[in-house]
């Protein structure tokens, strides 16, 4: 039981330390702009191999796939019941 309480205390301290920045009103952690391209590793992309056209085509295909979903499987929570 003592070990469990010690582990709980350590975890609470770790969470508290990690949230100090948020508690002080600082900017939260955010992703980088550019990703692999910012690091000069654009050719390392497994999907497009560094070709922007391939990435755009892949994104277009994903949008078409989402648009083709059957509407009866979706639920519009913004509509009022019975409308």
N, C-alpha and C. Protein backbone atom coordinates (compact mmCIF):
# COMPACT_ATOMS: atom_id res chain seq x y z
N UNK A 1 0.82 -1.19 0.00
CA UNK A 1 0.00 0.00 0.00
C UNK A 1 0.87 1.26 0.00
N UNK A 2 1.96 1.21 0.73
CA UNK A 2 2.87 2.35 0.78
C UNK A 2 3.48 2.62 -0.59
N UNK A 3 3.84 1.55 -1.30
CA UNK A 3 4.42 1.70 -2.64
C UNK A 3 3.40 2.36 -3.57
N UNK A 4 2.16 1.94 -3.50
CA UNK A 4 1.11 2.49 -4.35
C UNK A 4 0.94 3.99 -4.07
N UNK A 5 0.93 4.39 -2.82
CA UNK A 5 0.79 5.79 -2.46
C UNK A 5 2.00 6.61 -2.92
N UNK A 6 3.18 6.02 -2.85
CA UNK A 6 4.38 6.72 -3.32
C UNK A 6 4.32 6.94 -4.83
N UNK A 7 3.89 5.92 -5.57
CA UNK A 7 3.77 6.03 -7.02
C UNK A 7 2.72 7.08 -7.38
N UNK A 8 1.60 7.07 -6.68
CA UNK A 8 0.55 8.07 -6.93
C UNK A 8 1.08 9.48 -6.67
N UNK A 9 1.81 9.66 -5.59
CA UNK A 9 2.36 10.97 -5.27
C UNK A 9 3.34 11.43 -6.34
N UNK A 10 4.19 10.53 -6.79
CA UNK A 10 5.17 10.88 -7.83
C UNK A 10 4.44 11.26 -9.12
N UNK A 11 3.43 10.51 -9.49
CA UNK A 11 2.68 10.82 -10.72
C UNK A 11 1.97 12.17 -10.60
N UNK A 12 1.39 12.47 -9.45
CA UNK A 12 0.74 13.76 -9.26
C UNK A 12 1.75 14.90 -9.34
N UNK A 13 2.93 14.70 -8.80
CA UNK A 13 3.98 15.72 -8.88
C UNK A 13 4.40 15.92 -10.34
N UNK A 14 4.56 14.84 -11.07
CA UNK A 14 4.96 14.94 -12.49
C UNK A 14 3.91 15.69 -13.28
N UNK A 15 2.64 15.37 -13.09
CA UNK A 15 1.57 16.07 -13.80
C UNK A 15 1.55 17.54 -13.41
N UNK A 16 1.73 17.82 -12.13
CA UNK A 16 1.77 19.21 -11.67
C UNK A 16 2.91 20.00 -12.29
N UNK A 17 4.09 19.39 -12.35
CA UNK A 17 5.25 20.06 -12.94
C UNK A 17 5.02 20.31 -14.43
N UNK A 18 4.43 19.34 -15.12
CA UNK A 18 4.18 19.49 -16.55
C UNK A 18 3.15 20.59 -16.83
N UNK A 19 2.25 20.84 -15.90
CA UNK A 19 1.20 21.83 -16.14
C UNK A 19 1.55 23.22 -15.64
N UNK A 20 2.76 23.42 -15.13
CA UNK A 20 3.16 24.73 -14.61
C UNK A 20 3.03 25.81 -15.69
N UNK A 21 3.47 25.52 -16.90
CA UNK A 21 3.38 26.50 -17.98
C UNK A 21 1.96 26.92 -18.28
N UNK A 22 1.05 25.97 -18.30
CA UNK A 22 -0.35 26.28 -18.55
C UNK A 22 -0.93 27.07 -17.38
N UNK A 23 -0.59 26.68 -16.17
CA UNK A 23 -1.10 27.37 -14.98
C UNK A 23 -0.62 28.82 -14.92
N UNK A 24 0.55 29.09 -15.44
CA UNK A 24 1.08 30.45 -15.43
C UNK A 24 0.62 31.25 -16.65
N UNK A 25 -0.20 30.65 -17.50
CA UNK A 25 -0.76 31.35 -18.65
C UNK A 25 0.17 31.46 -19.83
N UNK A 26 1.15 30.62 -19.91
CA UNK A 26 2.06 30.66 -21.05
C UNK A 26 1.45 29.93 -22.24
N UNK A 27 2.05 30.14 -23.40
CA UNK A 27 1.59 29.52 -24.63
C UNK A 27 1.74 28.00 -24.54
N UNK A 28 0.69 27.23 -24.90
CA UNK A 28 0.80 25.77 -24.86
C UNK A 28 1.74 25.24 -25.94
N UNK A 29 2.17 24.02 -25.78
CA UNK A 29 3.04 23.37 -26.77
C UNK A 29 2.26 23.23 -28.07
N UNK A 30 2.90 23.53 -29.18
CA UNK A 30 2.24 23.41 -30.49
C UNK A 30 3.18 22.73 -31.47
N UNK A 31 2.62 22.24 -32.54
CA UNK A 31 3.40 21.58 -33.57
C UNK A 31 4.23 22.57 -34.37
N UNK A 32 5.19 22.05 -35.10
CA UNK A 32 6.03 22.92 -35.92
C UNK A 32 5.33 23.22 -37.24
N UNK A 33 5.64 24.35 -37.80
CA UNK A 33 5.11 24.71 -39.11
C UNK A 33 6.04 24.11 -40.17
N UNK A 34 5.52 23.30 -41.03
CA UNK A 34 6.33 22.76 -42.10
C UNK A 34 6.73 21.31 -41.92
N UNK A 35 6.76 20.83 -40.71
CA UNK A 35 7.08 19.43 -40.44
C UNK A 35 8.41 19.01 -41.02
N UNK A 36 8.41 17.94 -41.82
CA UNK A 36 9.65 17.40 -42.40
C UNK A 36 10.34 18.40 -43.30
N UNK A 37 9.55 19.23 -43.97
CA UNK A 37 10.14 20.20 -44.89
C UNK A 37 11.01 21.20 -44.15
N UNK A 38 10.62 21.57 -42.93
CA UNK A 38 11.42 22.50 -42.13
C UNK A 38 12.77 21.91 -41.75
N UNK A 39 12.82 20.61 -41.61
CA UNK A 39 14.05 19.94 -41.23
C UNK A 39 14.90 19.54 -42.42
N UNK A 40 14.40 19.81 -43.62
CA UNK A 40 15.13 19.43 -44.82
C UNK A 40 14.98 17.95 -45.15
N UNK A 41 13.93 17.32 -44.60
CA UNK A 41 13.72 15.88 -44.81
C UNK A 41 12.48 15.61 -45.66
N UNK A 42 12.15 16.53 -46.54
CA UNK A 42 10.94 16.39 -47.36
C UNK A 42 10.97 15.10 -48.19
N UNK A 43 12.14 14.68 -48.63
CA UNK A 43 12.24 13.47 -49.43
C UNK A 43 11.97 12.22 -48.60
N UNK A 44 11.95 12.36 -47.27
CA UNK A 44 11.74 11.22 -46.40
C UNK A 44 10.28 10.83 -46.26
N UNK A 45 9.37 11.55 -46.89
CA UNK A 45 7.94 11.26 -46.78
C UNK A 45 7.63 9.95 -47.51
N UNK A 46 7.02 8.99 -46.79
CA UNK A 46 6.71 7.69 -47.39
C UNK A 46 5.55 7.78 -48.38
N UNK A 47 4.71 8.78 -48.27
CA UNK A 47 3.53 8.88 -49.12
C UNK A 47 3.86 9.53 -50.45
N UNK A 48 4.53 10.71 -50.40
CA UNK A 48 4.73 11.46 -51.64
C UNK A 48 6.17 11.47 -52.13
N UNK A 49 7.12 11.10 -51.30
CA UNK A 49 8.52 11.11 -51.72
C UNK A 49 9.04 12.50 -52.04
N UNK A 50 8.41 13.54 -51.46
CA UNK A 50 8.86 14.91 -51.67
C UNK A 50 8.16 15.63 -52.80
N UNK A 51 7.16 14.99 -53.43
CA UNK A 51 6.44 15.61 -54.54
C UNK A 51 5.10 16.15 -54.04
N UNK A 52 4.95 17.48 -54.10
CA UNK A 52 3.74 18.12 -53.60
C UNK A 52 2.49 17.68 -54.35
N UNK A 53 2.60 17.41 -55.64
CA UNK A 53 1.44 17.01 -56.44
C UNK A 53 0.85 15.69 -55.93
N UNK A 54 1.73 14.77 -55.53
CA UNK A 54 1.28 13.47 -55.04
C UNK A 54 0.53 13.66 -53.72
N UNK A 55 1.03 14.53 -52.85
CA UNK A 55 0.36 14.80 -51.57
C UNK A 55 -1.01 15.42 -51.81
N UNK A 56 -1.09 16.37 -52.73
CA UNK A 56 -2.37 17.01 -53.03
C UNK A 56 -3.36 16.00 -53.59
N UNK A 57 -2.90 15.10 -54.46
CA UNK A 57 -3.77 14.07 -55.03
C UNK A 57 -4.26 13.13 -53.94
N UNK A 58 -3.38 12.75 -53.02
CA UNK A 58 -3.76 11.86 -51.91
C UNK A 58 -4.81 12.54 -51.03
N UNK A 59 -4.63 13.82 -50.74
CA UNK A 59 -5.61 14.55 -49.94
C UNK A 59 -6.95 14.65 -50.66
N UNK A 60 -6.92 14.85 -51.97
CA UNK A 60 -8.16 14.91 -52.76
C UNK A 60 -8.89 13.59 -52.70
N UNK A 61 -8.16 12.49 -52.81
CA UNK A 61 -8.77 11.16 -52.74
C UNK A 61 -9.41 10.92 -51.37
N UNK A 62 -8.74 11.36 -50.31
CA UNK A 62 -9.29 11.19 -48.96
C UNK A 62 -10.58 11.98 -48.80
N UNK A 63 -10.63 13.19 -49.36
CA UNK A 63 -11.84 14.01 -49.28
C UNK A 63 -12.98 13.34 -50.04
N UNK A 64 -12.67 12.78 -51.20
CA UNK A 64 -13.71 12.09 -51.99
C UNK A 64 -14.23 10.87 -51.25
N UNK A 65 -13.33 10.15 -50.58
CA UNK A 65 -13.73 8.98 -49.81
C UNK A 65 -14.68 9.38 -48.69
N UNK A 66 -14.37 10.47 -48.01
CA UNK A 66 -15.22 10.93 -46.92
C UNK A 66 -16.57 11.41 -47.44
N UNK A 67 -16.57 12.06 -48.62
CA UNK A 67 -17.82 12.55 -49.20
C UNK A 67 -18.72 11.41 -49.65
N UNK A 68 -18.13 10.26 -49.96
CA UNK A 68 -18.90 9.12 -50.46
C UNK A 68 -19.52 8.28 -49.34
N UNK A 69 -19.29 8.65 -48.08
CA UNK A 69 -19.86 7.91 -46.96
C UNK A 69 -21.38 7.93 -47.04
N UNK A 70 -22.00 6.85 -46.65
CA UNK A 70 -23.45 6.76 -46.69
C UNK A 70 -24.05 7.69 -45.64
N UNK A 71 -24.94 8.59 -46.07
CA UNK A 71 -25.50 9.54 -45.12
C UNK A 71 -26.36 8.89 -44.04
N UNK A 72 -26.94 7.73 -44.30
CA UNK A 72 -27.78 7.10 -43.29
C UNK A 72 -26.94 6.56 -42.12
N UNK A 73 -25.64 6.47 -42.30
CA UNK A 73 -24.77 6.02 -41.22
C UNK A 73 -24.33 7.18 -40.33
N UNK A 74 -24.64 8.41 -40.75
CA UNK A 74 -24.23 9.57 -39.98
C UNK A 74 -25.43 10.14 -39.22
N UNK A 75 -25.13 10.86 -38.15
CA UNK A 75 -26.17 11.50 -37.35
C UNK A 75 -25.86 12.97 -37.24
N UNK A 76 -26.81 13.82 -37.66
CA UNK A 76 -26.63 15.27 -37.59
C UNK A 76 -27.16 15.76 -36.25
N UNK A 77 -26.26 16.01 -35.31
CA UNK A 77 -26.65 16.44 -33.97
C UNK A 77 -27.12 17.88 -33.95
N UNK A 78 -26.87 18.64 -35.00
CA UNK A 78 -27.28 20.05 -35.02
C UNK A 78 -28.75 20.19 -35.37
N UNK A 79 -29.36 19.18 -35.93
CA UNK A 79 -30.79 19.25 -36.29
C UNK A 79 -31.65 18.94 -35.09
N UNK A 80 -32.82 19.57 -35.02
CA UNK A 80 -33.74 19.31 -33.93
C UNK A 80 -34.45 17.99 -34.15
N UNK A 81 -34.74 17.25 -33.08
CA UNK A 81 -35.46 15.98 -33.24
C UNK A 81 -36.82 16.21 -33.88
N UNK A 82 -37.16 15.35 -34.81
CA UNK A 82 -38.46 15.41 -35.49
C UNK A 82 -38.52 16.41 -36.62
N UNK A 83 -37.41 17.08 -36.92
CA UNK A 83 -37.43 18.09 -37.99
C UNK A 83 -37.03 17.46 -39.30
